[in-house]
Amino acid sequence: MPKRQGNAMTATGFARSGHKDSFARDNLPPRESWPDLTLAEAGLAYPERLNCVAELLDRHITEGRGRRTAVVAAGLEWSYADLAEKVNRIANVLSRDLGMISGNRVLLRAGNTPMMVAAYLAVIKAGGVAVATMPMLRVGELVYPLRKAKIALALCDHRLTADLEAAGAHVPELARIVAFGGAESELEALMAQPGYERFEAADTARDDVCLIAFTSGTTGEPKGTMHFHQDMLAICDCYGARVLKASADDRFTGSPPLAFTFGLGGLVLFPMRIGAAMVLPEKAGPADLIDAIERYKVSVVFTAPTAYRAILDKLDGRDISSLRICVSAGEALPKATFDAWQARTGIPLMDGIGATEMLHIFIGAPRDRIRPGSTGIPVPGYEAKIVDEEGRDVPDGTPGRLAVRGPTGCRYLADPRQAKYVLNGWNITGDTYLRDADGYFWYQARSDDMIISAGYNIAGPEVEAALLTHEAVAECGVVGAPCPERGQIVKAYVVLREGVIGDAALVKALQEHVKAGIAPYKYPRAIAFVEALPKTATGKLQRFALRQIAQGES
């Protein structure tokens, strides 16, 4: 593993780093380009020396709550003490057997499994930086974060090693892939060694990076968002404590992958902060969520509006009476979905907007202050406003760019796009909103070319690039088209090469081609063959014109 040594202090205002490998701190953007981080204004205070896993997990053991249920999955139930031992054993393997030193980045590749949770926490407890990836990512999509974050070690579900090994062939820095989850997997064998059941949390600073979460990428390359130990607690102590208001007796479940910060917060961090339980179904489709709610008496659910709509069609004869809190995010929540869900279940959906850059939800109303159709009000500890292109405040009722600041904020990994996201100390999220006279925020549209489909962020240019590798495609443009079930679908407008016939068979072939090259959920669900694409005088694709066409065809 890399042995690069870092400074005790690399910039004015930082706490003394606990990282021996200084890569993360060295690659933070210049301090003057950060957004304002308003911890004190949010009423938050964390000690200078902080390892968030000691606070999220070990505290429950030392305070006598080790027997409480922490993780539930098919055929498995771990107490907080059980989870702590798993985490300690993996942390020992990382530091003793795999050569990880504090500050090293470790790629994690798995679904929402108990071992994924344990590995995530172990990397951070040992002073490492977790870089989680979705199971659906293909070879090319794995190469980028491996290179960008200079990752030498990966922990991977034994069922998902093939694509990671293929990606590693393109990234010499990736020195080792350790599999887990199988009957004879290497990680479990190493964990079983005597004396590995205890591990003292690494002496990290509250502003040491512990997580690099990659965005979906709106204009091509994803951006690595860097988050501190204090950030992991801040989202719990703001949204979790002041908006969600769950209790230690709640059981949490949901559909977002743990590689999405929406899933990490909602399914892992929020329940752990209060000593509650997380329920992790192997699959998390609408029917699977109903099964989990019914079987394990789940009371808190995090998923996208698409899933709530689908669940409504499957509730006949099912018992979901244990539910009391339902959070919706990942895409705009239609009022019709809110109304239908409340009419059927009696539970108001808690809408919210978050961002990978912000780590989690920053606008969302508590259950007693919801206004159907509105995203809500700023989470206590955060501020939000609407600004024009120059960053000037606009009057209430006027659509404009959403700007937000609070205890968390954007810090990209060595990326000049930091200057675009942060303006005058505010995070500019890329969403168009308006604020009403009562301070409620109403979603209008995305400000960029991101397609949000069933809660997934999909970059149109990435799908275009995948289509263009097919021999039949001469040109293409990809946009979001309205869809009542998914919010939006990916729609491709394709100009074929001369002599190629556009028929149903070719549509199917192009869809399968995209699925083979990038994550399958990004494939175009609709493809239209056209003679030409709308372009500017300089030959650039006019995606806004395609969006107008897609709107008119819906």
Protein backbone atom coordinates (compact mmCIF):
# COMPACT_ATOMS: atom_id res chain seq x y z
CA MET A 1 0.00 0.00 0.00
CA PRO A 2 1.14 3.61 -0.47
CA LYS A 3 3.34 4.91 2.32
CA ARG A 4 3.16 8.58 1.48
CA GLN A 5 3.66 10.70 4.59
CA GLY A 6 1.71 13.89 5.15
CA ASN A 7 2.20 17.07 7.09
CA ALA A 8 0.81 17.43 10.58
CA MET A 9 -0.96 20.52 9.34
CA THR A 10 -1.32 21.44 5.69
CA ALA A 11 -3.44 24.58 5.72
CA THR A 12 -4.37 27.31 8.13
CA GLY A 13 -7.50 26.45 10.04
CA PHE A 14 -7.22 22.66 9.73
CA ALA A 15 -6.93 20.44 12.75
CA ARG A 16 -3.82 18.29 12.93
CA SER A 17 -4.47 15.42 10.56
CA GLY A 18 -4.42 11.84 11.73
CA HIS A 19 -3.60 10.66 8.20
CA LYS A 20 -0.15 9.35 7.38
CA ASP A 21 -1.10 9.33 3.69
CA SER A 22 -1.94 12.98 3.02
CA PHE A 23 -3.52 12.46 -0.42
CA ALA A 24 -7.04 13.49 0.61
CA ARG A 25 -6.08 16.69 2.39
CA ASP A 26 -3.56 17.57 -0.31
CA ASN A 27 -6.27 17.30 -2.97
CA LEU A 28 -8.97 19.34 -1.28
CA PRO A 29 -9.81 22.49 -3.23
CA PRO A 30 -8.19 25.75 -2.08
CA ARG A 31 -9.79 26.90 1.15
CA GLU A 32 -11.01 30.14 -0.41
CA SER A 33 -13.10 28.15 -2.91
CA TRP A 34 -15.01 26.22 -0.25
CA PRO A 35 -18.58 27.09 0.66
CA ASP A 36 -19.22 28.55 4.08
CA LEU A 37 -19.43 25.72 6.62
CA THR A 38 -21.73 26.95 9.36
CA LEU A 39 -21.39 24.41 12.15
CA ALA A 40 -21.53 26.93 14.99
CA GLU A 41 -24.53 28.68 13.45
CA ALA A 42 -26.20 25.26 13.20
CA GLY A 43 -25.65 24.68 16.91
CA LEU A 44 -23.13 21.90 16.29
CA ALA A 45 -19.81 21.39 18.04
CA TYR A 46 -17.51 18.40 17.66
CA PRO A 47 -14.15 17.74 19.33
CA GLU A 48 -10.99 18.37 17.32
CA ARG A 49 -10.04 14.68 17.56
CA LEU A 50 -12.95 12.73 16.14
CA ASN A 51 -13.44 9.35 14.54
CA CYS A 52 -17.08 9.21 13.55
CA VAL A 53 -17.31 5.41 13.90
CA ALA A 54 -16.31 5.65 17.55
CA GLU A 55 -19.26 8.00 18.01
CA LEU A 56 -21.75 6.16 15.78
CA LEU A 57 -20.94 2.61 16.93
CA ASP A 58 -18.53 2.24 19.84
CA ARG A 59 -20.43 4.72 22.00
CA HIS A 60 -23.39 2.34 22.14
CA ILE A 61 -21.16 -0.41 23.50
CA THR A 62 -19.52 1.73 26.19
CA GLU A 63 -22.90 3.16 27.24
CA GLY A 64 -24.45 -0.28 27.70
CA ARG A 65 -26.49 -0.65 24.50
CA GLY A 66 -24.41 -3.40 22.93
CA ARG A 67 -27.28 -5.90 22.98
CA ARG A 68 -29.62 -3.71 20.96
CA THR A 69 -30.34 -4.92 17.44
CA ALA A 70 -28.23 -3.09 14.86
CA VAL A 71 -28.53 -5.04 11.58
CA VAL A 72 -31.26 -7.33 10.29
CA ALA A 73 -31.09 -9.29 7.03
CA ALA A 74 -32.33 -12.62 5.71
CA GLY A 75 -31.28 -15.26 8.24
CA LEU A 76 -29.15 -12.79 10.18
CA GLU A 77 -29.46 -10.42 13.12
CA TRP A 78 -26.49 -8.57 14.57
CA SER A 79 -26.51 -6.65 17.81
CA TYR A 80 -24.45 -3.48 18.14
CA ALA A 81 -21.83 -5.60 19.91
CA ASP A 82 -21.83 -8.09 17.02
CA LEU A 83 -21.46 -5.29 14.47
CA ALA A 84 -18.66 -3.70 16.50
CA GLU A 85 -16.73 -6.97 16.56
CA LYS A 86 -17.11 -7.41 12.79
CA VAL A 87 -15.91 -3.86 12.24
CA ASN A 88 -12.95 -4.36 14.58
CA ARG A 89 -11.91 -7.58 12.88
CA ILE A 90 -12.00 -5.97 9.42
CA ALA A 91 -10.11 -2.93 10.72
CA ASN A 92 -7.40 -5.24 12.06
CA VAL A 93 -7.23 -7.06 8.73
CA LEU A 94 -6.85 -3.75 6.92
CA SER A 95 -4.06 -2.48 9.13
CA ARG A 96 -2.23 -5.71 10.01
CA ASP A 97 -2.64 -7.90 6.93
CA LEU A 98 -3.39 -5.62 4.01
CA GLY A 99 -0.96 -2.80 4.79
CA MET A 100 -3.53 -0.01 4.87
CA ILE A 101 -2.32 3.14 6.59
CA SER A 102 -4.48 6.05 7.67
CA GLY A 103 -5.46 8.22 4.75
CA ASN A 104 -5.36 5.40 2.18
CA ARG A 105 -8.44 5.14 -0.01
CA VAL A 106 -10.26 1.80 -0.09
CA LEU A 107 -12.80 0.99 -2.78
CA LEU A 108 -15.91 -0.87 -1.61
CA ARG A 109 -18.05 -2.84 -4.06
CA ALA A 110 -21.18 -4.63 -2.85
CA GLY A 111 -24.90 -4.37 -2.52
CA ASN A 112 -26.71 -3.37 0.65
CA THR A 113 -25.41 -6.26 2.72
CA PRO A 114 -24.38 -6.47 6.38
CA MET A 115 -20.78 -7.08 5.36
CA MET A 116 -20.82 -3.97 3.17
CA VAL A 117 -21.89 -1.95 6.22
CA ALA A 118 -19.20 -3.53 8.38
CA ALA A 119 -16.50 -2.95 5.75
CA TYR A 120 -17.58 0.67 5.25
CA LEU A 121 -17.34 1.39 8.96
CA ALA A 122 -14.08 -0.54 9.36
CA VAL A 123 -12.27 1.46 6.68
CA ILE A 124 -13.25 4.70 8.40
CA LYS A 125 -12.53 3.43 11.91
CA ALA A 126 -9.04 2.40 10.79
CA GLY A 127 -8.45 5.93 9.51
CA GLY A 128 -9.00 5.16 5.85
CA VAL A 129 -11.14 6.90 3.25
CA ALA A 130 -14.08 4.87 1.97
CA VAL A 131 -14.94 5.02 -1.75
CA ALA A 132 -18.14 3.04 -2.27
CA THR A 133 -19.36 1.98 -5.71
CA MET A 134 -22.66 0.55 -6.92
CA PRO A 135 -22.80 -3.12 -7.91
CA MET A 136 -24.23 -2.20 -11.32
CA LEU A 137 -21.18 -0.23 -12.47
CA ARG A 138 -19.27 -1.74 -15.37
CA VAL A 139 -15.54 -1.92 -16.05
CA GLY A 140 -15.13 1.53 -17.58
CA GLU A 141 -17.15 3.14 -14.80
CA LEU A 142 -14.93 1.56 -12.16
CA VAL A 143 -11.68 2.66 -13.79
CA TYR A 144 -12.39 6.35 -13.26
CA PRO A 145 -12.72 6.41 -9.43
CA LEU A 146 -9.83 3.97 -9.10
CA ARG A 147 -7.59 6.35 -11.02
CA LYS A 148 -8.97 9.60 -9.66
CA ALA A 149 -8.68 8.59 -6.01
CA LYS A 150 -5.46 6.59 -6.57
CA ILE A 151 -6.85 3.47 -4.95
CA ALA A 152 -4.58 0.52 -4.21
CA LEU A 153 -6.95 -1.71 -2.21
CA ALA A 154 -10.52 -2.87 -2.79
CA LEU A 155 -12.94 -4.92 -0.69
CA CYS A 156 -15.47 -6.58 -2.96
CA ASP A 157 -18.45 -8.92 -2.70
CA HIS A 158 -17.25 -12.26 -4.08
CA ARG A 159 -20.04 -12.19 -6.69
CA LEU A 160 -18.82 -8.89 -8.16
CA THR A 161 -15.07 -9.36 -8.54
CA ALA A 162 -14.98 -10.01 -12.30
CA ASP A 163 -15.64 -6.43 -13.46
CA LEU A 164 -13.38 -5.03 -10.76
CA GLU A 165 -10.54 -7.33 -11.78
CA ALA A 166 -11.04 -6.26 -15.39
CA ALA A 167 -10.94 -2.62 -14.32
CA GLY A 168 -7.80 -3.30 -12.33
CA ALA A 169 -6.06 -4.38 -15.51
CA HIS A 170 -6.28 -0.72 -16.61
CA VAL A 171 -5.21 0.70 -13.24
CA PRO A 172 -1.76 -0.47 -12.11
CA GLU A 173 -2.23 1.30 -8.76
CA LEU A 174 -4.90 -1.25 -7.74
CA ALA A 175 -2.62 -3.74 -6.04
CA ARG A 176 -5.12 -5.96 -4.24
CA ILE A 177 -8.76 -7.03 -4.38
CA VAL A 178 -10.04 -8.88 -1.31
CA ALA A 179 -13.34 -10.72 -1.65
CA PHE A 180 -15.95 -11.19 1.06
CA GLY A 181 -19.34 -12.80 1.48
CA GLY A 182 -18.57 -16.28 0.15
CA ALA A 183 -18.14 -19.52 2.04
CA GLU A 184 -14.37 -19.40 1.55
CA SER A 185 -13.78 -15.69 0.95
CA GLU A 186 -10.43 -14.22 1.87
CA LEU A 187 -11.69 -11.41 4.08
CA GLU A 188 -13.65 -13.68 6.42
CA ALA A 189 -10.69 -16.04 6.68
CA LEU A 190 -8.42 -13.18 7.72
CA MET A 191 -11.04 -11.82 10.13
CA ALA A 192 -11.11 -15.13 12.03
CA GLN A 193 -7.58 -14.70 13.39
CA PRO A 194 -7.27 -14.59 17.19
CA GLY A 195 -6.86 -11.22 18.85
CA TYR A 196 -8.68 -9.33 16.10
CA GLU A 197 -11.88 -8.69 18.07
CA ARG A 198 -10.68 -5.36 19.48
CA PHE A 199 -9.48 -2.29 17.61
CA GLU A 200 -8.93 1.24 18.86
CA ALA A 201 -10.34 3.84 16.50
CA ALA A 202 -7.70 5.78 14.58
CA ASP A 203 -6.83 9.18 16.03
CA THR A 204 -8.32 11.25 13.23
CA ALA A 205 -9.26 14.92 13.11
CA ARG A 206 -12.85 16.08 12.77
CA ASP A 207 -11.89 17.59 9.39
CA ASP A 208 -10.01 14.58 8.07
CA VAL A 209 -11.65 13.17 4.96
CA CYS A 210 -13.32 9.80 5.61
CA LEU A 211 -15.49 9.46 2.51
CA ILE A 212 -15.13 10.23 -1.19
CA ALA A 213 -18.51 9.85 -2.90
CA PHE A 214 -18.56 10.11 -6.67
CA THR A 215 -21.42 11.87 -8.44
CA SER A 216 -23.15 10.41 -11.48
CA GLY A 217 -21.51 13.06 -13.69
CA THR A 218 -23.63 15.66 -15.45
CA THR A 219 -21.19 16.52 -18.22
CA GLY A 220 -19.05 13.43 -18.53
CA GLU A 221 -16.56 12.70 -15.77
CA PRO A 222 -18.04 12.13 -12.30
CA LYS A 223 -16.87 14.39 -9.50
CA GLY A 224 -15.43 13.04 -6.27
CA THR A 225 -17.07 14.76 -3.29
CA MET A 226 -14.99 14.75 -0.12
CA HIS A 227 -16.59 14.53 3.30
CA PHE A 228 -15.15 14.81 6.80
CA HIS A 229 -15.74 12.80 9.97
CA GLN A 230 -17.75 15.73 11.34
CA ASP A 231 -19.98 15.73 8.26
CA MET A 232 -21.17 12.20 8.98
CA LEU A 233 -22.45 13.35 12.36
CA ALA A 234 -23.74 16.72 11.17
CA ILE A 235 -26.34 15.22 8.82
CA CYS A 236 -27.56 13.01 11.67
CA ASP A 237 -27.75 15.93 14.07
CA CYS A 238 -29.52 18.21 11.58
CA TYR A 239 -31.85 16.26 9.30
CA GLY A 240 -31.94 13.12 11.43
CA ALA A 241 -32.59 14.77 14.78
CA ARG A 242 -34.52 17.88 13.74
CA VAL A 243 -36.62 16.75 10.77
CA LEU A 244 -36.82 12.95 10.67
CA LYS A 245 -37.18 12.63 14.46
CA ALA A 246 -37.02 8.84 14.58
CA SER A 247 -36.48 6.90 17.82
CA ALA A 248 -34.19 4.13 19.00
CA ASP A 249 -37.08 1.67 18.68
CA ASP A 250 -37.51 2.33 14.95
CA ARG A 251 -36.40 -0.03 12.20
CA PHE A 252 -35.09 1.56 8.99
CA THR A 253 -35.08 0.18 5.46
CA GLY A 254 -35.08 1.46 1.90
CA SER A 255 -33.95 1.03 -1.68
CA PRO A 256 -31.04 3.45 -2.32
CA PRO A 257 -27.63 1.78 -2.63
CA LEU A 258 -25.15 2.49 0.15
CA ALA A 259 -22.87 3.94 -2.53
CA PHE A 260 -25.41 6.80 -2.77
CA THR A 261 -25.08 9.14 0.18
CA PHE A 262 -28.92 9.15 0.33
CA GLY A 263 -28.72 5.45 1.16
CA LEU A 264 -25.72 5.73 3.47
CA GLY A 265 -27.44 8.36 5.59
CA GLY A 266 -30.95 6.94 5.57
CA LEU A 267 -30.12 3.27 6.04
CA VAL A 268 -26.93 3.35 8.13
CA LEU A 269 -25.94 6.65 9.72
CA PHE A 270 -29.35 7.86 10.93
CA PRO A 271 -30.30 4.61 12.71
CA MET A 272 -26.83 4.17 14.18
CA ARG A 273 -26.76 7.68 15.59
CA ILE A 274 -29.78 6.89 17.77
CA GLY A 275 -29.17 3.19 18.39
CA ALA A 276 -31.95 1.97 16.09
CA ALA A 277 -31.88 -1.00 13.70
CA MET A 278 -31.28 -1.16 9.94
CA VAL A 279 -33.06 -3.78 7.83
CA LEU A 280 -31.15 -4.73 4.68
CA PRO A 281 -33.11 -6.81 2.16
CA GLU A 282 -30.98 -8.58 -0.46
CA LYS A 283 -33.14 -7.00 -3.15
CA ALA A 284 -34.93 -3.68 -2.76
CA GLY A 285 -37.56 -3.50 -5.47
CA PRO A 286 -41.08 -2.40 -4.49
CA ALA A 287 -42.24 -5.97 -3.76
CA ASP A 288 -39.07 -6.65 -1.76
CA LEU A 289 -39.60 -3.52 0.34
CA ILE A 290 -43.15 -4.61 1.14
CA ASP A 291 -41.84 -8.02 2.17
CA ALA A 292 -39.20 -6.42 4.42
CA ILE A 293 -41.69 -4.01 6.01
CA GLU A 294 -44.16 -6.79 6.70
CA ARG A 295 -41.68 -9.41 7.91
CA TYR A 296 -39.42 -7.23 10.05
CA LYS A 297 -41.98 -4.63 11.18
CA VAL A 298 -40.09 -1.75 9.59
CA SER A 299 -41.20 1.70 10.70
CA VAL A 300 -38.99 4.06 8.61
CA VAL A 301 -38.54 3.83 4.83
CA PHE A 302 -36.27 5.79 2.46
CA THR A 303 -36.98 5.44 -1.26
CA ALA A 304 -37.88 7.36 -4.41
CA PRO A 305 -41.35 8.49 -5.56
CA THR A 306 -41.27 5.83 -8.28
CA ALA A 307 -41.09 3.09 -5.66
CA TYR A 308 -43.92 4.56 -3.59
CA ARG A 309 -46.12 4.59 -6.70
CA ALA A 310 -45.22 0.99 -7.47
CA ILE A 311 -45.81 -0.14 -3.88
CA LEU A 312 -49.36 1.24 -3.98
CA ASP A 313 -50.23 -1.27 -6.69
CA LYS A 314 -49.03 -4.20 -4.58
CA LEU A 315 -50.56 -3.52 -1.16
CA ASP A 316 -53.69 -5.64 -1.39
CA GLY A 317 -53.59 -8.22 1.37
CA ARG A 318 -50.32 -6.91 2.80
CA ASP A 319 -49.67 -5.61 6.31
CA ILE A 320 -47.49 -2.49 6.43
CA SER A 321 -49.10 -1.12 9.58
CA SER A 322 -45.69 -0.86 11.29
CA LEU A 323 -44.77 2.05 8.99
CA ARG A 324 -44.84 5.52 10.49
CA ILE A 325 -42.20 7.57 8.62
CA CYS A 326 -41.73 7.56 4.83
CA VAL A 327 -39.02 9.70 3.24
CA SER A 328 -39.02 10.47 -0.48
CA ALA A 329 -35.99 11.85 -2.31
CA GLY A 330 -33.87 11.25 -5.38
CA GLU A 331 -36.36 12.96 -7.71
CA ALA A 332 -39.20 15.43 -7.44
CA LEU A 333 -42.24 14.08 -5.59
CA PRO A 334 -45.42 14.62 -7.64
CA LYS A 335 -48.39 15.83 -5.61
CA ALA A 336 -50.48 13.04 -7.12
CA THR A 337 -48.12 10.46 -5.61
CA PHE A 338 -48.21 12.24 -2.24
CA ASP A 339 -52.01 12.28 -2.27
CA ALA A 340 -52.36 8.66 -3.36
CA TRP A 341 -49.91 7.42 -0.73
CA GLN A 342 -51.53 9.36 2.09
CA ALA A 343 -55.02 8.27 1.02
CA ARG A 344 -54.00 4.60 1.03
CA THR A 345 -51.70 4.50 4.08
CA GLY A 346 -52.58 7.57 6.14
CA ILE A 347 -48.90 8.53 6.15
CA PRO A 348 -47.70 11.83 4.61
CA LEU A 349 -44.59 11.40 2.48
CA MET A 350 -41.66 13.48 3.69
CA ASP A 351 -40.21 15.00 0.52
CA GLY A 352 -36.62 16.19 0.50
CA ILE A 353 -33.79 17.34 -1.72
CA GLY A 354 -30.18 16.50 -1.09
CA ALA A 355 -26.98 16.30 -3.12
CA THR A 356 -23.86 14.18 -3.08
CA GLU A 357 -21.96 17.45 -2.59
CA MET A 358 -23.99 18.22 0.54
CA LEU A 359 -23.96 14.57 1.73
CA HIS A 360 -27.69 14.39 2.45
CA ILE A 361 -31.03 16.22 2.56
CA PHE A 362 -30.90 19.98 3.18
CA ILE A 363 -34.50 20.97 2.38
CA GLY A 364 -37.38 18.93 3.77
CA ALA A 365 -40.24 19.66 6.13
CA PRO A 366 -40.96 17.78 9.37
CA ARG A 367 -44.14 15.70 9.27
CA ASP A 368 -46.24 18.40 10.94
CA ARG A 369 -45.17 21.13 8.48
CA ILE A 370 -45.52 19.39 5.12
CA ARG A 371 -47.13 21.22 2.20
CA PRO A 372 -48.03 18.74 -0.56
CA GLY A 373 -46.25 19.59 -3.80
CA SER A 374 -43.49 21.56 -2.07
CA THR A 375 -40.07 20.09 -1.28
CA GLY A 376 -40.29 21.84 2.07
CA ILE A 377 -38.25 24.28 4.11
CA PRO A 378 -34.52 24.38 4.89
CA VAL A 379 -33.41 21.73 7.36
CA PRO A 380 -32.57 23.43 10.68
CA GLY A 381 -28.89 24.34 10.50
CA TYR A 382 -29.07 25.07 6.75
CA GLU A 383 -30.01 28.18 4.80
CA ALA A 384 -31.42 28.26 1.27
CA LYS A 385 -32.31 30.99 -1.17
CA ILE A 386 -33.00 31.56 -4.86
CA VAL A 387 -30.46 33.50 -6.93
CA ASP A 388 -29.98 34.60 -10.53
CA GLU A 389 -27.04 33.73 -12.78
CA GLU A 390 -24.83 36.31 -11.02
CA GLY A 391 -25.72 35.05 -7.56
CA ARG A 392 -28.09 37.92 -6.70
CA ASP A 393 -31.16 37.14 -4.62
CA VAL A 394 -34.42 37.11 -6.59
CA PRO A 395 -37.87 37.98 -5.20
CA ASP A 396 -40.09 35.26 -3.75
CA GLY A 397 -42.19 33.63 -6.44
CA THR A 398 -39.44 34.04 -9.05
CA PRO A 399 -37.79 30.88 -10.44
CA GLY A 400 -34.03 30.83 -10.15
CA ARG A 401 -31.01 28.82 -9.07
CA LEU A 402 -31.17 27.09 -5.71
CA ALA A 403 -28.35 28.14 -3.37
CA VAL A 404 -27.73 26.50 0.00
CA ARG A 405 -25.20 26.53 2.81
CA GLY A 406 -24.87 24.83 6.16
CA PRO A 407 -22.57 22.55 8.18
CA THR A 408 -21.82 20.39 5.11
CA GLY A 409 -20.83 21.54 1.64
CA CYS A 410 -19.04 20.91 -1.63
CA ARG A 411 -15.36 20.05 -1.71
CA TYR A 412 -14.43 18.31 -4.95
CA LEU A 413 -11.41 16.04 -5.27
CA ALA A 414 -8.86 17.96 -7.36
CA ASP A 415 -11.48 19.31 -9.74
CA PRO A 416 -11.74 22.79 -11.30
CA ARG A 417 -15.53 22.41 -11.33
CA GLN A 418 -15.43 23.49 -7.68
CA ALA A 419 -15.61 27.07 -8.97
CA LYS A 420 -18.91 26.34 -10.71
CA TYR A 421 -20.62 24.72 -7.73
CA VAL A 422 -19.67 27.30 -5.12
CA LEU A 423 -20.55 30.99 -5.51
CA ASN A 424 -19.98 33.59 -2.80
CA GLY A 425 -19.82 30.91 -0.13
CA TRP A 426 -23.07 29.22 -1.26
CA ASN A 427 -23.52 25.81 -2.90
CA ILE A 428 -25.30 26.14 -6.25
CA THR A 429 -27.04 22.79 -6.61
CA GLY A 430 -27.97 22.86 -10.30
CA ASP A 431 -31.70 22.90 -9.55
CA THR A 432 -34.24 25.53 -10.53
CA TYR A 433 -36.63 26.36 -7.69
CA LEU A 434 -38.88 29.12 -6.49
CA ARG A 435 -39.53 30.11 -2.88
CA ASP A 436 -42.95 31.28 -1.76
CA ALA A 437 -43.72 34.03 0.73
CA ASP A 438 -43.87 31.50 3.58
CA GLY A 439 -40.38 30.20 2.90
CA TYR A 440 -41.39 26.93 1.21
CA PHE A 441 -39.37 25.76 -1.79
CA TRP A 442 -41.03 24.48 -4.96
CA TYR A 443 -39.08 22.44 -7.51
CA GLN A 444 -39.20 23.58 -11.15
CA ALA A 445 -36.54 21.62 -13.09
CA ARG A 446 -32.92 20.59 -13.24
CA SER A 447 -30.66 23.40 -14.36
CA ASP A 448 -28.34 21.08 -16.29
CA ASP A 449 -28.57 18.01 -18.48
CA MET A 450 -29.01 15.46 -15.70
CA ILE A 451 -31.85 12.99 -16.16
CA ILE A 452 -33.47 11.81 -12.93
CA SER A 453 -35.26 8.51 -13.52
CA ALA A 454 -36.76 6.43 -10.71
CA GLY A 455 -34.40 8.12 -8.26
CA TYR A 456 -31.24 7.50 -10.32
CA ASN A 457 -29.13 10.36 -11.67
CA ILE A 458 -28.17 9.66 -15.27
CA ALA A 459 -25.94 11.89 -17.36
CA GLY A 460 -27.17 12.27 -20.93
CA PRO A 461 -23.65 12.71 -22.38
CA GLU A 462 -22.55 9.40 -20.86
CA VAL A 463 -25.40 7.52 -22.56
CA GLU A 464 -24.59 9.32 -25.82
CA ALA A 465 -20.99 8.17 -25.57
CA ALA A 466 -22.12 4.56 -25.08
CA LEU A 467 -24.48 4.71 -28.07
CA LEU A 468 -21.81 6.21 -30.31
CA THR A 469 -19.65 3.12 -29.89
CA HIS A 470 -22.24 1.12 -31.86
CA GLU A 471 -21.41 0.81 -35.54
CA ALA A 472 -24.95 1.77 -36.65
CA VAL A 473 -24.96 5.15 -34.87
CA ALA A 474 -23.70 8.27 -36.62
CA GLU A 475 -24.93 10.88 -34.13
CA CYS A 476 -27.19 10.93 -31.11
CA GLY A 477 -28.64 13.16 -28.42
CA VAL A 478 -30.00 11.93 -25.09
CA VAL A 479 -32.46 13.77 -22.84
CA GLY A 480 -35.06 13.04 -20.20
CA ALA A 481 -38.62 12.47 -21.40
CA PRO A 482 -41.62 12.77 -19.05
CA CYS A 483 -42.89 9.51 -17.59
CA PRO A 484 -45.73 9.21 -15.05
CA GLU A 485 -44.24 6.09 -13.45
CA ARG A 486 -40.52 6.99 -13.33
CA GLY A 487 -40.61 10.79 -13.35
CA GLN A 488 -38.40 10.76 -16.42
CA ILE A 489 -37.03 8.13 -18.77
CA VAL A 490 -33.87 8.24 -20.83
CA LYS A 491 -34.78 8.96 -24.44
CA ALA A 492 -32.27 8.84 -27.28
CA TYR A 493 -32.59 10.57 -30.63
CA VAL A 494 -30.37 8.69 -33.05
CA VAL A 495 -29.08 9.53 -36.53
CA LEU A 496 -28.11 6.28 -38.22
CA ARG A 497 -25.25 5.66 -40.58
CA GLU A 498 -26.10 5.55 -44.25
CA GLY A 499 -27.83 2.37 -45.31
CA VAL A 500 -28.83 1.30 -41.79
CA ILE A 501 -32.55 0.67 -41.23
CA GLY A 502 -34.03 1.83 -37.95
CA ASP A 503 -36.48 -0.81 -36.77
CA ALA A 504 -37.58 -2.50 -33.54
CA ALA A 505 -34.74 -5.00 -33.77
CA LEU A 506 -32.18 -2.19 -33.90
CA VAL A 507 -33.82 -0.44 -30.95
CA LYS A 508 -33.39 -3.61 -28.92
CA ALA A 509 -29.81 -4.05 -30.10
CA LEU A 510 -28.87 -0.49 -29.16
CA GLN A 511 -30.44 -0.86 -25.72
CA GLU A 512 -28.52 -4.06 -25.06
CA HIS A 513 -25.34 -2.42 -26.34
CA VAL A 514 -25.68 0.39 -23.80
CA LYS A 515 -26.46 -2.04 -20.97
CA ALA A 516 -23.28 -3.94 -21.77
CA GLY A 517 -21.13 -0.81 -21.69
CA ILE A 518 -22.44 1.15 -18.71
CA ALA A 519 -24.72 0.49 -15.73
CA PRO A 520 -27.93 -1.09 -17.08
CA TYR A 521 -30.26 1.41 -15.38
CA LYS A 522 -28.86 4.12 -17.67
CA TYR A 523 -30.04 2.55 -20.92
CA PRO A 524 -32.45 4.50 -23.16
CA ARG A 525 -35.95 3.19 -22.59
CA ALA A 526 -37.08 5.03 -25.71
CA ILE A 527 -35.17 5.49 -28.97
CA ALA A 528 -36.32 7.65 -31.88
CA PHE A 529 -34.54 7.52 -35.24
CA VAL A 530 -34.23 10.99 -36.80
CA GLU A 531 -32.71 12.48 -39.94
CA ALA A 532 -30.80 15.21 -38.09
CA LEU A 533 -30.27 16.66 -34.61
CA PRO A 534 -30.87 20.30 -33.64
CA LYS A 535 -27.54 22.13 -33.43
CA THR A 536 -26.15 25.59 -32.86
CA ALA A 537 -24.44 27.56 -35.61
CA THR A 538 -21.15 26.22 -34.34
CA GLY A 539 -22.33 22.62 -34.57
CA LYS A 540 -23.06 21.97 -30.89
CA LEU A 541 -26.02 19.78 -29.94
CA GLN A 542 -28.99 21.76 -28.62
CA ARG A 543 -30.24 19.49 -25.86
CA PHE A 544 -32.82 22.03 -24.80
CA ALA A 545 -34.43 21.66 -28.24
CA LEU A 546 -34.50 17.89 -27.83
CA ARG A 547 -36.08 18.31 -24.39
CA GLN A 548 -38.79 20.45 -25.95
CA ILE A 549 -39.41 17.75 -28.56
CA ALA A 550 -39.57 15.08 -25.85
CA GLN A 551 -42.03 17.19 -23.85
CA GLY A 552 -44.24 17.61 -26.92
CA GLU A 553 -44.25 13.90 -27.66
CA SER A 554 -45.34 12.90 -24.16
